[in-house]
Amino acid sequence: MVSFTQLLTAGLLATSAMALPHAHKHTHKHVSKRTTGKRGAAYNDASTVQSLGNNGSISWAYDWNMVADGDLPSGVEFVPMLWGSKMFGEWFSSIETVLSSGASYIMGFNEPDMSSQANMGPSEAAKHYTKYISPFSGKAKLVTPAVTNGGGDSVGLNWMASFLDECSDCKLSVLAVHWYGESADEFKSFVQKATKVAEEYGLEETWVTEFALSTATTANSDMESSAEFLNEVIPWLDSQSGVGRYAYFMCADGYLLEGGGLSVSGKAYTY
């Protein structure tokens, strides 16, 4: 199941989602989207990923959890996440099993800059990251907590910069962000800011692990606009050398899927 939160800060709307623990088709775009290996699936039900990735366009997936909770299609890499403090008790035993199954990345906390999500200040997050995730450096590449695109000193990329200052010895490789907003131009501007932060702190790349138009954060809403948005931003993301991976919100009926197949936005995402 999914829970949503909204934050209105400095004119930016950031919407969040979590899983509870335990258009037009143009030839150039088609080639661009299918060949980068960046595209992923954010899901709650592993069986839905088959519909999204049956044409080979999806290379990885995650479910806001530390276990896949089902079978993913062949060739789709599962990336575990330590969502937040509610998962600490089961973390070490679970992550060892997932890593032994071939996971090559570990994602950090889900929106710690929001009180309704992982809810940690940068110093607290750095302390927990050092204890729970950094010990696995060398076994997997480590991804930062994923922050919102909210504005203000204690959220978004400002939160991230403070965290990176506090976590200078955390052995991080990837910066993770989320975005919900009004336009493709706004999205591109934010991603460029995020990749600049990653570069400044010597991280290899940036992942956009949740993103969508603010008007498309509930099921069956504004799919035509979403398709137009995706037709513009997916080729752009694929062209950005600083963006390593991305996952649109989300792989579920009423979003990228419809009636067991792809929705109009799902077709825009995968072709």
Protein backbone atom coordinates (compact mmCIF):
# COMPACT_ATOMS: atom_id res chain seq x y z
CA MET A 1 0.00 0.00 0.00
CA VAL A 2 1.12 3.57 -0.58
CA SER A 3 0.90 6.64 1.61
CA PHE A 4 1.18 10.19 0.23
CA THR A 5 2.44 13.37 1.85
CA GLN A 6 2.64 16.88 0.51
CA LEU A 7 4.96 19.70 1.41
CA LEU A 8 4.48 23.25 0.18
CA THR A 9 7.73 25.15 0.77
CA ALA A 10 9.00 28.16 -1.15
CA GLY A 11 6.44 27.55 -3.82
CA LEU A 12 7.47 23.95 -4.51
CA LEU A 13 5.14 21.01 -4.01
CA ALA A 14 6.86 17.81 -2.93
CA THR A 15 4.78 14.64 -2.75
CA SER A 16 6.06 11.41 -1.23
CA ALA A 17 5.32 7.72 -1.36
CA MET A 18 6.46 4.64 0.48
CA ALA A 19 5.80 0.97 0.69
CA LEU A 20 5.08 -0.37 4.13
CA PRO A 21 7.78 -2.70 5.43
CA HIS A 22 6.75 -6.44 6.45
CA ALA A 23 1.66 9.69 -26.92
CA HIS A 24 3.76 10.01 -29.37
CA LYS A 25 6.29 7.42 -30.44
CA HIS A 26 9.29 8.75 -32.30
CA THR A 27 12.07 6.56 -33.63
CA HIS A 28 14.85 8.64 -32.11
CA LYS A 29 13.19 8.61 -28.70
CA HIS A 30 12.62 4.88 -28.94
CA VAL A 31 16.32 4.21 -29.41
CA SER A 32 17.35 6.72 -26.76
CA LYS A 33 15.04 5.35 -24.12
CA ARG A 34 15.89 1.71 -24.69
CA THR A 35 19.68 1.89 -24.79
CA THR A 36 20.83 3.73 -21.65
CA GLY A 37 19.92 1.19 -18.95
CA LYS A 38 18.91 3.99 -16.60
CA ARG A 39 15.17 3.36 -16.42
CA GLY A 40 13.74 1.67 -13.34
CA ALA A 41 10.49 0.64 -11.69
CA ALA A 42 9.28 1.92 -8.33
CA TYR A 43 6.73 -0.67 -7.22
CA ASN A 44 4.79 -2.16 -4.33
CA ASP A 45 3.85 -5.44 -6.06
CA ALA A 46 6.70 -7.26 -7.82
CA SER A 47 4.30 -8.93 -10.25
CA THR A 48 3.45 -5.55 -11.80
CA VAL A 49 7.02 -5.01 -12.99
CA GLN A 50 6.57 -7.66 -15.66
CA SER A 51 4.01 -5.52 -17.45
CA LEU A 52 6.22 -2.46 -17.28
CA GLY A 53 9.42 -4.18 -18.33
CA ASN A 54 8.34 -6.85 -20.80
CA ASN A 55 9.96 -4.99 -23.70
CA GLY A 56 13.33 -4.82 -21.98
CA SER A 57 13.15 -1.12 -21.15
CA ILE A 58 13.49 -1.56 -17.37
CA SER A 59 16.89 -2.52 -15.96
CA TRP A 60 16.34 -2.14 -12.20
CA ALA A 61 13.60 -1.84 -9.58
CA TYR A 62 12.98 -1.01 -5.93
CA ASP A 63 10.03 -1.11 -3.54
CA TRP A 64 10.96 1.25 -0.67
CA ASN A 65 11.99 -1.89 1.21
CA MET A 66 15.01 -4.08 1.90
CA VAL A 67 13.59 -7.17 0.18
CA ALA A 68 12.03 -7.56 -3.26
CA ASP A 69 8.89 -9.20 -1.82
CA GLY A 70 8.31 -11.24 -4.98
CA ASP A 71 10.03 -12.23 -8.22
CA LEU A 72 11.20 -9.58 -10.64
CA PRO A 73 11.57 -10.24 -14.38
CA SER A 74 14.83 -11.72 -15.58
CA GLY A 75 17.43 -9.02 -16.11
CA VAL A 76 15.83 -6.53 -13.71
CA GLU A 77 18.15 -5.75 -10.79
CA PHE A 78 16.61 -5.31 -7.35
CA VAL A 79 17.98 -2.41 -5.28
CA PRO A 80 17.29 -2.64 -1.52
CA MET A 81 16.47 0.42 0.59
CA LEU A 82 16.82 1.04 4.30
CA TRP A 83 13.65 3.15 4.49
CA GLY A 84 14.18 4.48 7.99
CA SER A 85 14.38 3.63 11.69
CA LYS A 86 11.40 1.26 11.58
CA MET A 87 13.57 -1.15 9.59
CA PHE A 88 16.68 -1.05 11.78
CA GLY A 89 15.84 -4.21 13.74
CA GLU A 90 15.71 -6.48 10.67
CA TRP A 91 18.27 -4.68 8.57
CA PHE A 92 21.53 -6.55 9.07
CA SER A 93 20.14 -10.04 8.55
CA SER A 94 18.01 -8.98 5.58
CA ILE A 95 20.68 -7.01 3.74
CA GLU A 96 23.21 -9.83 3.99
CA THR A 97 20.72 -12.12 2.26
CA VAL A 98 19.94 -9.58 -0.45
CA LEU A 99 23.61 -8.87 -1.11
CA SER A 100 24.36 -12.58 -1.37
CA SER A 101 21.64 -12.73 -4.04
CA GLY A 102 23.53 -10.24 -6.17
CA ALA A 103 22.40 -6.73 -5.20
CA SER A 104 25.08 -4.21 -6.15
CA TYR A 105 23.63 -1.00 -4.64
CA ILE A 106 22.07 -0.03 -1.31
CA MET A 107 19.69 2.95 -1.13
CA GLY A 108 19.52 5.14 1.94
CA PHE A 109 16.60 6.61 3.88
CA ASN A 110 13.35 7.73 2.22
CA GLU A 111 12.83 11.49 2.42
CA PRO A 112 14.42 12.08 5.82
CA ASP A 113 13.79 15.80 5.23
CA MET A 114 10.04 15.20 5.72
CA SER A 115 8.43 14.61 9.11
CA SER A 116 5.92 12.14 7.61
CA GLN A 117 8.64 9.99 6.05
CA ALA A 118 12.03 8.89 7.47
CA ASN A 119 12.18 12.16 9.48
CA MET A 120 15.85 12.68 10.40
CA GLY A 121 18.04 15.71 10.62
CA PRO A 122 21.31 15.58 8.66
CA SER A 123 23.44 14.77 11.74
CA GLU A 124 21.11 12.01 12.91
CA ALA A 125 20.91 10.57 9.40
CA ALA A 126 24.70 10.59 9.09
CA LYS A 127 25.03 8.74 12.39
CA HIS A 128 22.55 6.06 11.37
CA TYR A 129 23.98 5.81 7.86
CA THR A 130 27.46 5.23 9.28
CA LYS A 131 26.16 2.48 11.54
CA TYR A 132 23.76 0.66 9.24
CA ILE A 133 24.85 1.22 5.64
CA SER A 134 28.50 2.27 5.45
CA PRO A 135 29.76 -1.12 6.74
CA PHE A 136 28.63 -2.61 3.42
CA SER A 137 30.91 -0.43 1.32
CA GLY A 138 32.95 -2.76 -0.86
CA LYS A 139 30.07 -5.22 -1.08
CA ALA A 140 27.80 -2.68 -2.79
CA LYS A 141 27.82 0.93 -3.94
CA LEU A 142 26.09 3.20 -1.45
CA VAL A 143 23.32 5.66 -2.33
CA THR A 144 22.52 8.68 -0.17
CA PRO A 145 19.15 9.22 1.46
CA ALA A 146 16.61 10.44 -1.12
CA VAL A 147 15.50 14.01 -0.46
CA THR A 148 12.55 16.00 -1.80
CA ASN A 149 12.75 19.04 -4.06
CA GLY A 150 11.42 21.24 -1.27
CA GLY A 151 13.01 24.65 -0.71
CA GLY A 152 14.37 25.91 2.59
CA ASP A 153 17.37 25.42 4.84
CA SER A 154 16.29 22.07 6.30
CA VAL A 155 14.82 20.31 3.26
CA GLY A 156 15.76 19.26 -0.24
CA LEU A 157 19.24 19.88 -1.58
CA ASN A 158 20.11 22.07 1.41
CA TRP A 159 19.39 19.11 3.71
CA MET A 160 21.50 16.97 1.38
CA ALA A 161 24.49 19.31 1.48
CA SER A 162 24.39 19.32 5.29
CA PHE A 163 24.17 15.53 5.32
CA LEU A 164 27.12 15.19 2.95
CA ASP A 165 29.17 17.49 5.16
CA GLU A 166 28.29 15.37 8.19
CA CYS A 167 28.79 12.07 6.35
CA SER A 168 32.12 12.77 4.68
CA ASP A 169 33.41 9.33 5.71
CA CYS A 170 30.28 7.38 4.75
CA LYS A 171 31.83 5.99 1.53
CA LEU A 172 28.99 7.23 -0.68
CA SER A 173 28.87 6.77 -4.44
CA VAL A 174 25.43 8.05 -5.57
CA LEU A 175 23.18 11.01 -4.71
CA ALA A 176 19.41 10.34 -4.69
CA VAL A 177 16.59 12.86 -5.10
CA HIS A 178 12.81 13.01 -5.62
CA TRP A 179 10.86 15.59 -7.59
CA TYR A 180 7.18 16.55 -7.85
CA GLY A 181 6.25 19.76 -9.59
CA GLU A 182 4.58 21.60 -12.43
CA SER A 183 6.66 21.38 -15.61
CA ALA A 184 9.45 19.68 -17.53
CA ASP A 185 11.56 22.83 -17.34
CA GLU A 186 11.22 22.92 -13.56
CA PHE A 187 12.19 19.25 -13.40
CA LYS A 188 15.27 19.71 -15.59
CA SER A 189 16.42 22.68 -13.53
CA PHE A 190 16.15 20.71 -10.29
CA VAL A 191 17.98 17.67 -11.67
CA GLN A 192 20.78 19.91 -12.93
CA LYS A 193 21.10 21.42 -9.45
CA ALA A 194 21.22 17.93 -7.94
CA THR A 195 23.91 16.72 -10.33
CA LYS A 196 25.94 19.81 -9.50
CA VAL A 197 25.76 18.95 -5.79
CA ALA A 198 26.87 15.40 -6.57
CA GLU A 199 29.82 16.71 -8.56
CA GLU A 200 30.81 19.14 -5.81
CA TYR A 201 30.96 16.31 -3.28
CA GLY A 202 32.77 13.88 -5.57
CA LEU A 203 29.89 11.45 -6.04
CA GLU A 204 29.77 9.35 -9.20
CA GLU A 205 26.22 10.10 -10.32
CA THR A 206 22.69 11.19 -9.38
CA TRP A 207 19.58 8.99 -9.24
CA VAL A 208 16.06 10.44 -9.50
CA THR A 209 14.22 7.68 -7.68
CA GLU A 210 10.75 9.27 -7.63
CA PHE A 211 9.37 11.91 -9.96
CA ALA A 212 6.06 12.96 -11.48
CA LEU A 213 3.92 15.99 -12.13
CA SER A 214 2.10 17.14 -9.00
CA THR A 215 -1.19 16.63 -10.86
CA ALA A 216 -0.41 12.93 -11.37
CA THR A 217 0.21 11.74 -7.83
CA THR A 218 -3.14 10.01 -7.41
CA ALA A 219 -4.38 7.03 -9.42
CA ASN A 220 -5.89 7.70 -12.86
CA SER A 221 -5.10 11.40 -12.77
CA ASP A 222 -3.78 13.52 -15.64
CA MET A 223 -2.23 10.68 -17.65
CA GLU A 224 -2.20 12.62 -20.93
CA SER A 225 -0.18 15.42 -19.35
CA SER A 226 2.08 12.82 -17.78
CA ALA A 227 2.68 11.23 -21.17
CA GLU A 228 3.60 14.59 -22.69
CA PHE A 229 5.91 15.30 -19.75
CA LEU A 230 7.59 11.90 -20.08
CA ASN A 231 8.04 12.25 -23.84
CA GLU A 232 10.09 15.35 -23.11
CA VAL A 233 12.06 14.41 -20.00
CA ILE A 234 12.97 10.75 -20.63
CA PRO A 235 15.20 11.43 -23.66
CA TRP A 236 16.65 14.36 -21.73
CA LEU A 237 17.45 12.18 -18.68
CA ASP A 238 19.02 9.58 -20.94
CA SER A 239 21.25 12.27 -22.44
CA GLN A 240 22.53 13.52 -19.07
CA SER A 241 25.88 11.96 -18.21
CA GLY A 242 25.45 12.90 -14.53
CA VAL A 243 22.16 10.97 -14.19
CA GLY A 244 22.79 7.30 -13.51
CA ARG A 245 19.26 5.98 -12.95
CA TYR A 246 15.68 7.14 -12.58
CA ALA A 247 12.28 5.71 -11.65
CA TYR A 248 8.96 7.39 -12.40
CA PHE A 249 6.16 7.30 -9.82
CA MET A 250 5.02 4.58 -10.12
CA CYS A 251 4.62 0.99 -11.36
CA ALA A 252 1.00 0.42 -10.36
CA ASP A 253 -2.50 0.37 -11.82
CA GLY A 254 -3.75 3.90 -12.41
CA TYR A 255 -0.24 5.20 -12.91
CA LEU A 256 2.10 3.53 -15.42
CA LEU A 257 -0.23 0.55 -15.70
CA GLU A 258 -3.86 0.16 -16.68
CA GLY A 259 -5.90 -3.04 -16.63
CA GLY A 260 -2.90 -5.35 -16.62
CA GLY A 261 -1.14 -3.49 -19.45
CA LEU A 262 0.57 -0.15 -19.95
CA SER A 263 -1.33 3.11 -19.49
CA VAL A 264 -0.75 6.01 -21.87
CA SER A 265 1.92 7.32 -19.51
CA GLY A 266 3.37 3.81 -19.19
CA LYS A 267 3.78 3.64 -22.96
CA ALA A 268 5.50 7.03 -22.94
CA TYR A 269 7.83 5.82 -20.17
CA THR A 270 8.91 2.60 -21.86
CA TYR A 271 9.04 3.38 -25.58
